[in-house]
Amino acid sequence: MVEFDAQRCKSGEFVLMHDGTIDNLTTGKGRISEHTLAELKSYRLKSRKGQYRLATLDEALDVIPKDGVWINLHCYCGRPNIGDLARHIKERGRLHQTCFCANLKDVEEARKAVPELIANNIQRPGPRNRDWTPEECRKFVDDSIAHKCRFLQLSRPWPREYSDACHAAGIKVIHFKSDDPAELPDLKARGIDFVMTNCPGQMGV
């Protein structure tokens, strides 16, 4: 699985960026939606001695195999654009391998455009800074089932029983995140299917 975040720029294309602005990561300033693609391509990423530019969604899709790899697409383009994003993924022939990571209202909006899209529920019922209560864990499972999600994404690991409940409903469990290979046995024991990481080599991938 590969994961990235899509936003829409002023000229209409989808580009990859997590942050609310491009200030910290590029030589430009402002929000993605305030710039055309040509303007965004004129900036450089600050890492790797400035040799890279922002990537478009299409550029990413061009290098990802069409089989054997899930695309965990975090939809940061806003509700007015998420239907167009879903249609674009379908037109590119990537609907079968793309899970749309969004809150459930955005999932509903995207499914107005593409009813068959695969959803990854990120509408967490509890905060990131503590373990969830049993009621919060159960709600996350139940909400994901009710909205026919194929994935859900945790911010903290949870007890195995909730992963088992997801698996019984055909839902895969993604954990965000771990960069410590020593944590992998415990995450596996908790029934986690995918572990998001910034260090795939260190994690043994």
C-alpha atoms as a PDB file:
ATOM      1  CA  MET A   1       0.000   0.000   0.000  1.00  0.00           C
ATOM      2  CA  VAL A   2       1.130   3.535  -0.775  1.00  0.00           C
ATOM      3  CA  GLU A   3      -0.432   6.582   0.867  1.00  0.00           C
ATOM      4  CA  PHE A   4      -0.598  10.186  -0.224  1.00  0.00           C
ATOM      5  CA  ASP A   5      -2.830  13.241   0.045  1.00  0.00           C
ATOM      6  CA  ALA A   6      -4.622  14.920  -2.867  1.00  0.00           C
ATOM      7  CA  GLN A   7      -5.625  18.567  -3.123  1.00  0.00           C
ATOM      8  CA  ARG A   8      -6.977  20.559  -6.071  1.00  0.00           C
ATOM      9  CA  CYS A   9      -5.095  23.525  -7.450  1.00  0.00           C
ATOM     10  CA  LYS A  10      -6.516  26.702  -8.981  1.00  0.00           C
ATOM     11  CA  SER A  11      -6.298  25.402 -12.560  1.00  0.00           C
ATOM     12  CA  GLY A  12      -8.216  22.233 -11.646  1.00  0.00           C
ATOM     13  CA  GLU A  13      -5.564  19.518 -11.458  1.00  0.00           C
ATOM     14  CA  PHE A  14      -5.082  17.322  -8.395  1.00  0.00           C
ATOM     15  CA  VAL A  15      -1.656  17.544  -6.778  1.00  0.00           C
ATOM     16  CA  LEU A  16      -0.068  15.753  -3.842  1.00  0.00           C
ATOM     17  CA  MET A  17       0.260  17.749  -0.627  1.00  0.00           C
ATOM     18  CA  HIS A  18      -0.656  17.100   2.984  1.00  0.00           C
ATOM     19  CA  ASP A  19      -0.130  20.517   4.556  1.00  0.00           C
ATOM     20  CA  GLY A  20      -2.717  23.274   4.478  1.00  0.00           C
ATOM     21  CA  THR A  21      -0.173  25.546   2.790  1.00  0.00           C
ATOM     22  CA  ILE A  22       2.954  24.991   0.712  1.00  0.00           C
ATOM     23  CA  ASP A  23       5.051  27.322   2.893  1.00  0.00           C
ATOM     24  CA  ASN A  24       6.941  24.715   4.931  1.00  0.00           C
ATOM     25  CA  LEU A  25       7.677  22.208   2.198  1.00  0.00           C
ATOM     26  CA  THR A  26       8.288  24.313  -0.912  1.00  0.00           C
ATOM     27  CA  THR A  27       9.856  27.588  -1.982  1.00  0.00           C
ATOM     28  CA  GLY A  28       6.348  28.991  -2.563  1.00  0.00           C
ATOM     29  CA  LYS A  29       3.721  30.488  -0.276  1.00  0.00           C
ATOM     30  CA  GLY A  30      -0.020  30.056   0.237  1.00  0.00           C
ATOM     31  CA  ARG A  31      -2.567  27.311  -0.282  1.00  0.00           C
ATOM     32  CA  ILE A  32      -2.666  24.827  -3.146  1.00  0.00           C
ATOM     33  CA  SER A  33      -6.037  26.209  -4.233  1.00  0.00           C
ATOM     34  CA  GLU A  34      -4.490  29.658  -4.695  1.00  0.00           C
ATOM     35  CA  HIS A  35      -1.987  28.513  -7.327  1.00  0.00           C
ATOM     36  CA  THR A  36      -2.213  27.158 -10.859  1.00  0.00           C
ATOM     37  CA  LEU A  37      -0.350  23.977 -11.705  1.00  0.00           C
ATOM     38  CA  ALA A  38       2.199  25.974 -13.692  1.00  0.00           C
ATOM     39  CA  GLU A  39       2.868  28.133 -10.645  1.00  0.00           C
ATOM     40  CA  LEU A  40       3.172  25.121  -8.369  1.00  0.00           C
ATOM     41  CA  LYS A  41       5.590  23.453 -10.782  1.00  0.00           C
ATOM     42  CA  SER A  42       7.804  26.549 -10.694  1.00  0.00           C
ATOM     43  CA  TYR A  43       8.528  25.954  -6.988  1.00  0.00           C
ATOM     44  CA  ARG A  44      10.976  23.455  -5.554  1.00  0.00           C
ATOM     45  CA  LEU A  45      10.600  21.135  -2.612  1.00  0.00           C
ATOM     46  CA  LYS A  46      12.937  22.177   0.172  1.00  0.00           C
ATOM     47  CA  SER A  47      14.266  18.660   0.786  1.00  0.00           C
ATOM     48  CA  ARG A  48      16.897  16.883  -1.335  1.00  0.00           C
ATOM     49  CA  LYS A  49      18.639  20.152  -2.242  1.00  0.00           C
ATOM     50  CA  GLY A  50      15.631  21.454  -4.136  1.00  0.00           C
ATOM     51  CA  GLN A  51      15.866  19.029  -7.032  1.00  0.00           C
ATOM     52  CA  TYR A  52      12.182  17.992  -6.881  1.00  0.00           C
ATOM     53  CA  ARG A  53       8.902  19.693  -7.719  1.00  0.00           C
ATOM     54  CA  LEU A  54       5.405  18.990  -6.438  1.00  0.00           C
ATOM     55  CA  ALA A  55       3.896  15.884  -8.025  1.00  0.00           C
ATOM     56  CA  THR A  56       0.465  15.679  -9.561  1.00  0.00           C
ATOM     57  CA  LEU A  57      -1.876  12.821  -8.805  1.00  0.00           C
ATOM     58  CA  ASP A  58      -1.523  11.636 -12.388  1.00  0.00           C
ATOM     59  CA  GLU A  59       2.271  11.575 -12.131  1.00  0.00           C
ATOM     60  CA  ALA A  60       1.967   9.356  -9.062  1.00  0.00           C
ATOM     61  CA  LEU A  61      -0.526   7.054 -10.753  1.00  0.00           C
ATOM     62  CA  ASP A  62       1.797   6.696 -13.752  1.00  0.00           C
ATOM     63  CA  VAL A  63       4.463   4.994 -11.613  1.00  0.00           C
ATOM     64  CA  ILE A  64       2.195   2.809  -9.449  1.00  0.00           C
ATOM     65  CA  PRO A  65       1.473  -0.702 -10.786  1.00  0.00           C
ATOM     66  CA  LYS A  66      -2.159  -1.376 -11.617  1.00  0.00           C
ATOM     67  CA  ASP A  67      -2.178  -4.641  -9.685  1.00  0.00           C
ATOM     68  CA  GLY A  68      -0.797  -5.781  -6.336  1.00  0.00           C
ATOM     69  CA  VAL A  69      -0.645  -2.348  -4.698  1.00  0.00           C
ATOM     70  CA  TRP A  70      -3.361  -0.545  -2.767  1.00  0.00           C
ATOM     71  CA  ILE A  71      -3.541   3.251  -3.053  1.00  0.00           C
ATOM     72  CA  ASN A  72      -4.568   4.893   0.219  1.00  0.00           C
ATOM     73  CA  LEU A  73      -5.779   8.236  -1.126  1.00  0.00           C
ATOM     74  CA  HIS A  74      -6.354  10.860   1.550  1.00  0.00           C
ATOM     75  CA  CYS A  75      -8.925  13.267   0.143  1.00  0.00           C
ATOM     76  CA  TYR A  76      -7.915  16.763   1.216  1.00  0.00           C
ATOM     77  CA  CYS A  77      -9.555  18.455  -1.758  1.00  0.00           C
ATOM     78  CA  GLY A  78     -12.729  19.514   0.063  1.00  0.00           C
ATOM     79  CA  ARG A  79     -16.257  18.221  -0.290  1.00  0.00           C
ATOM     80  CA  PRO A  80     -17.067  20.272  -3.428  1.00  0.00           C
ATOM     81  CA  ASN A  81     -14.203  18.554  -5.288  1.00  0.00           C
ATOM     82  CA  ILE A  82     -14.341  15.012  -3.956  1.00  0.00           C
ATOM     83  CA  GLY A  83     -16.821  13.820  -6.584  1.00  0.00           C
ATOM     84  CA  ASP A  84     -14.496  15.017  -9.346  1.00  0.00           C
ATOM     85  CA  LEU A  85     -11.612  13.259  -7.610  1.00  0.00           C
ATOM     86  CA  ALA A  86     -13.567  10.000  -7.526  1.00  0.00           C
ATOM     87  CA  ARG A  87     -14.500  10.351 -11.210  1.00  0.00           C
ATOM     88  CA  HIS A  88     -10.879  11.041 -12.086  1.00  0.00           C
ATOM     89  CA  ILE A  89      -9.668   7.896 -10.333  1.00  0.00           C
ATOM     90  CA  LYS A  90     -12.346   5.906 -12.162  1.00  0.00           C
ATOM     91  CA  GLU A  91     -11.390   7.408 -15.533  1.00  0.00           C
ATOM     92  CA  ARG A  92      -7.760   6.462 -14.887  1.00  0.00           C
ATOM     93  CA  GLY A  93      -8.790   2.848 -14.303  1.00  0.00           C
ATOM     94  CA  ARG A  94      -7.633   2.822 -10.681  1.00  0.00           C
ATOM     95  CA  LEU A  95     -10.925   2.450  -8.841  1.00  0.00           C
ATOM     96  CA  HIS A  96     -10.274  -1.237  -8.057  1.00  0.00           C
ATOM     97  CA  GLN A  97      -7.123  -0.455  -6.039  1.00  0.00           C
ATOM     98  CA  THR A  98      -7.877   2.957  -4.502  1.00  0.00           C
ATOM     99  CA  CYS A  99      -9.384   3.393  -1.064  1.00  0.00           C
ATOM    100  CA  PHE A 100     -10.726   6.890  -0.498  1.00  0.00           C
ATOM    101  CA  CYS A 101      -9.656   7.995   2.962  1.00  0.00           C
ATOM    102  CA  ALA A 102     -12.168  10.565   4.214  1.00  0.00           C
ATOM    103  CA  ASN A 103     -14.779  11.277   6.831  1.00  0.00           C
ATOM    104  CA  LEU A 104     -18.131   9.655   6.252  1.00  0.00           C
ATOM    105  CA  LYS A 105     -19.904  12.789   4.970  1.00  0.00           C
ATOM    106  CA  ASP A 106     -17.217  13.135   2.300  1.00  0.00           C
ATOM    107  CA  VAL A 107     -17.549   9.436   1.464  1.00  0.00           C
ATOM    108  CA  GLU A 108     -21.273   9.943   0.941  1.00  0.00           C
ATOM    109  CA  GLU A 109     -20.601  12.921  -1.341  1.00  0.00           C
ATOM    110  CA  ALA A 110     -18.014  11.022  -3.391  1.00  0.00           C
ATOM    111  CA  ARG A 111     -20.394   8.099  -3.814  1.00  0.00           C
ATOM    112  CA  LYS A 112     -22.936  10.398  -5.432  1.00  0.00           C
ATOM    113  CA  ALA A 113     -20.457  10.582  -8.299  1.00  0.00           C
ATOM    114  CA  VAL A 114     -19.034   7.049  -8.085  1.00  0.00           C
ATOM    115  CA  PRO A 115     -21.274   4.750  -6.020  1.00  0.00           C
ATOM    116  CA  GLU A 116     -18.887   1.798  -6.190  1.00  0.00           C
ATOM    117  CA  LEU A 117     -15.814   3.525  -4.760  1.00  0.00           C
ATOM    118  CA  ILE A 118     -13.889   1.818  -1.954  1.00  0.00           C
ATOM    119  CA  ALA A 119     -13.963   3.800   1.291  1.00  0.00           C
ATOM    120  CA  ASN A 120     -11.447   4.085   4.125  1.00  0.00           C
ATOM    121  CA  ASN A 121     -13.161   5.516   7.216  1.00  0.00           C
ATOM    122  CA  ILE A 122     -11.063   8.135   8.984  1.00  0.00           C
ATOM    123  CA  GLN A 123     -13.903   9.640  11.043  1.00  0.00           C
ATOM    124  CA  ARG A 124     -12.453   8.549  14.355  1.00  0.00           C
ATOM    125  CA  PRO A 125     -14.747   8.477  17.391  1.00  0.00           C
ATOM    126  CA  GLY A 126     -11.974   9.216  19.887  1.00  0.00           C
ATOM    127  CA  PRO A 127      -8.919  11.509  20.176  1.00  0.00           C
ATOM    128  CA  ARG A 128      -5.361  10.642  19.185  1.00  0.00           C
ATOM    129  CA  ASN A 129      -3.848  11.267  22.611  1.00  0.00           C
ATOM    130  CA  ARG A 130      -5.410   8.331  24.495  1.00  0.00           C
ATOM    131  CA  ASP A 131      -6.652   4.798  23.982  1.00  0.00           C
ATOM    132  CA  TRP A 132     -10.293   4.627  22.996  1.00  0.00           C
ATOM    133  CA  THR A 133     -13.037   3.324  25.232  1.00  0.00           C
ATOM    134  CA  PRO A 134     -14.808   0.099  24.238  1.00  0.00           C
ATOM    135  CA  GLU A 135     -17.797   2.214  23.205  1.00  0.00           C
ATOM    136  CA  GLU A 136     -15.638   4.350  20.903  1.00  0.00           C
ATOM    137  CA  CYS A 137     -13.982   1.294  19.364  1.00  0.00           C
ATOM    138  CA  ARG A 138     -17.343  -0.357  18.753  1.00  0.00           C
ATOM    139  CA  LYS A 139     -18.731   2.822  17.189  1.00  0.00           C
ATOM    140  CA  PHE A 140     -15.831   2.985  14.739  1.00  0.00           C
ATOM    141  CA  VAL A 141     -16.502  -0.604  13.680  1.00  0.00           C
ATOM    142  CA  ASP A 142     -20.265  -0.122  13.444  1.00  0.00           C
ATOM    143  CA  ASP A 143     -20.012   3.157  11.496  1.00  0.00           C
ATOM    144  CA  SER A 144     -17.591   1.580   9.036  1.00  0.00           C
ATOM    145  CA  ILE A 145     -19.893  -1.386   8.501  1.00  0.00           C
ATOM    146  CA  ALA A 146     -22.960   0.840   8.109  1.00  0.00           C
ATOM    147  CA  HIS A 147     -21.216   2.868   5.387  1.00  0.00           C
ATOM    148  CA  LYS A 148     -19.900  -0.246   3.618  1.00  0.00           C
ATOM    149  CA  CYS A 149     -16.260   0.749   4.099  1.00  0.00           C
ATOM    150  CA  ARG A 150     -13.563  -1.717   3.094  1.00  0.00           C
ATOM    151  CA  PHE A 151     -10.926  -0.079   5.308  1.00  0.00           C
ATOM    152  CA  LEU A 152     -10.686   1.988   8.463  1.00  0.00           C
ATOM    153  CA  GLN A 153      -7.690   3.886   9.758  1.00  0.00           C
ATOM    154  CA  LEU A 154      -6.667   3.953  13.420  1.00  0.00           C
ATOM    155  CA  SER A 155      -4.610   6.626  15.133  1.00  0.00           C
ATOM    156  CA  ARG A 156      -3.833   4.278  18.047  1.00  0.00           C
ATOM    157  CA  PRO A 157      -3.764   0.482  18.189  1.00  0.00           C
ATOM    158  CA  TRP A 158      -6.822  -1.176  19.701  1.00  0.00           C
ATOM    159  CA  PRO A 159      -7.680  -4.591  21.208  1.00  0.00           C
ATOM    160  CA  ARG A 160      -7.757  -7.581  18.872  1.00  0.00           C
ATOM    161  CA  GLU A 161     -11.507  -8.145  19.267  1.00  0.00           C
ATOM    162  CA  TYR A 162     -12.292  -5.038  17.218  1.00  0.00           C
ATOM    163  CA  SER A 163      -9.948  -6.041  14.411  1.00  0.00           C
ATOM    164  CA  ASP A 164     -11.659  -9.429  14.401  1.00  0.00           C
ATOM    165  CA  ALA A 165     -15.050  -7.711  14.133  1.00  0.00           C
ATOM    166  CA  CYS A 166     -13.752  -5.713  11.167  1.00  0.00           C
ATOM    167  CA  HIS A 167     -12.361  -8.801   9.459  1.00  0.00           C
ATOM    168  CA  ALA A 168     -15.670 -10.614   9.898  1.00  0.00           C
ATOM    169  CA  ALA A 169     -17.296  -7.714   8.002  1.00  0.00           C
ATOM    170  CA  GLY A 170     -14.644  -7.691   5.252  1.00  0.00           C
ATOM    171  CA  ILE A 171     -12.881  -4.560   6.552  1.00  0.00           C
ATOM    172  CA  LYS A 172      -9.092  -4.175   6.630  1.00  0.00           C
ATOM    173  CA  VAL A 173      -7.491  -2.250   9.511  1.00  0.00           C
ATOM    174  CA  ILE A 174      -4.817   0.381   8.881  1.00  0.00           C
ATOM    175  CA  HIS A 175      -2.713   1.763  11.734  1.00  0.00           C
ATOM    176  CA  PHE A 176      -1.192   5.236  11.613  1.00  0.00           C
ATOM    177  CA  LYS A 177       1.651   5.033  12.365  1.00  0.00           C
ATOM    178  CA  SER A 178       4.835   3.248  13.447  1.00  0.00           C
ATOM    179  CA  ASP A 179       8.486   3.741  12.540  1.00  0.00           C
ATOM    180  CA  ASP A 180       9.719   1.209  15.116  1.00  0.00           C
ATOM    181  CA  PRO A 181      10.126  -2.415  13.946  1.00  0.00           C
ATOM    182  CA  ALA A 182       9.969  -3.550  17.587  1.00  0.00           C
ATOM    183  CA  GLU A 183       6.261  -2.579  17.568  1.00  0.00           C
ATOM    184  CA  LEU A 184       5.354  -4.844  14.650  1.00  0.00           C
ATOM    185  CA  PRO A 185       4.758  -8.083  16.620  1.00  0.00           C
ATOM    186  CA  ASP A 186       2.278  -6.321  18.909  1.00  0.00           C
ATOM    187  CA  LEU A 187       0.486  -4.658  15.986  1.00  0.00           C
ATOM    188  CA  LYS A 188       0.242  -8.003  14.218  1.00  0.00           C
ATOM    189  CA  ALA A 189      -1.145  -9.581  17.398  1.00  0.00           C
ATOM    190  CA  ARG A 190      -3.805  -6.858  17.467  1.00  0.00           C
ATOM    191  CA  GLY A 191      -4.949  -7.846  13.981  1.00  0.00           C
ATOM    192  CA  ILE A 192      -3.592  -4.798  12.146  1.00  0.00           C
ATOM    193  CA  ASP A 193      -3.457  -5.386   8.382  1.00  0.00           C
ATOM    194  CA  PHE A 194      -1.437  -2.354   7.262  1.00  0.00           C
ATOM    195  CA  VAL A 195       1.040  -0.212   9.213  1.00  0.00           C
ATOM    196  CA  MET A 196       1.709   3.251   7.832  1.00  0.00           C
ATOM    197  CA  THR A 197       5.356   4.268   8.191  1.00  0.00           C
ATOM    198  CA  ASN A 198       7.842   6.894   7.131  1.00  0.00           C
ATOM    199  CA  CYS A 199      10.645   4.313   7.230  1.00  0.00           C
ATOM    200  CA  PRO A 200       9.739   1.308   5.044  1.00  0.00           C
ATOM    201  CA  GLY A 201      13.369   0.128   4.829  1.00  0.00           C
ATOM    202  CA  GLN A 202      13.790   0.283   8.598  1.00  0.00           C
ATOM    203  CA  MET A 203      10.515  -1.599   9.031  1.00  0.00           C
ATOM    204  CA  GLY A 204      11.775  -4.438   6.860  1.00  0.00           C
ATOM    205  CA  VAL A 205       9.719  -3.656   3.752  1.00  0.00           C
END
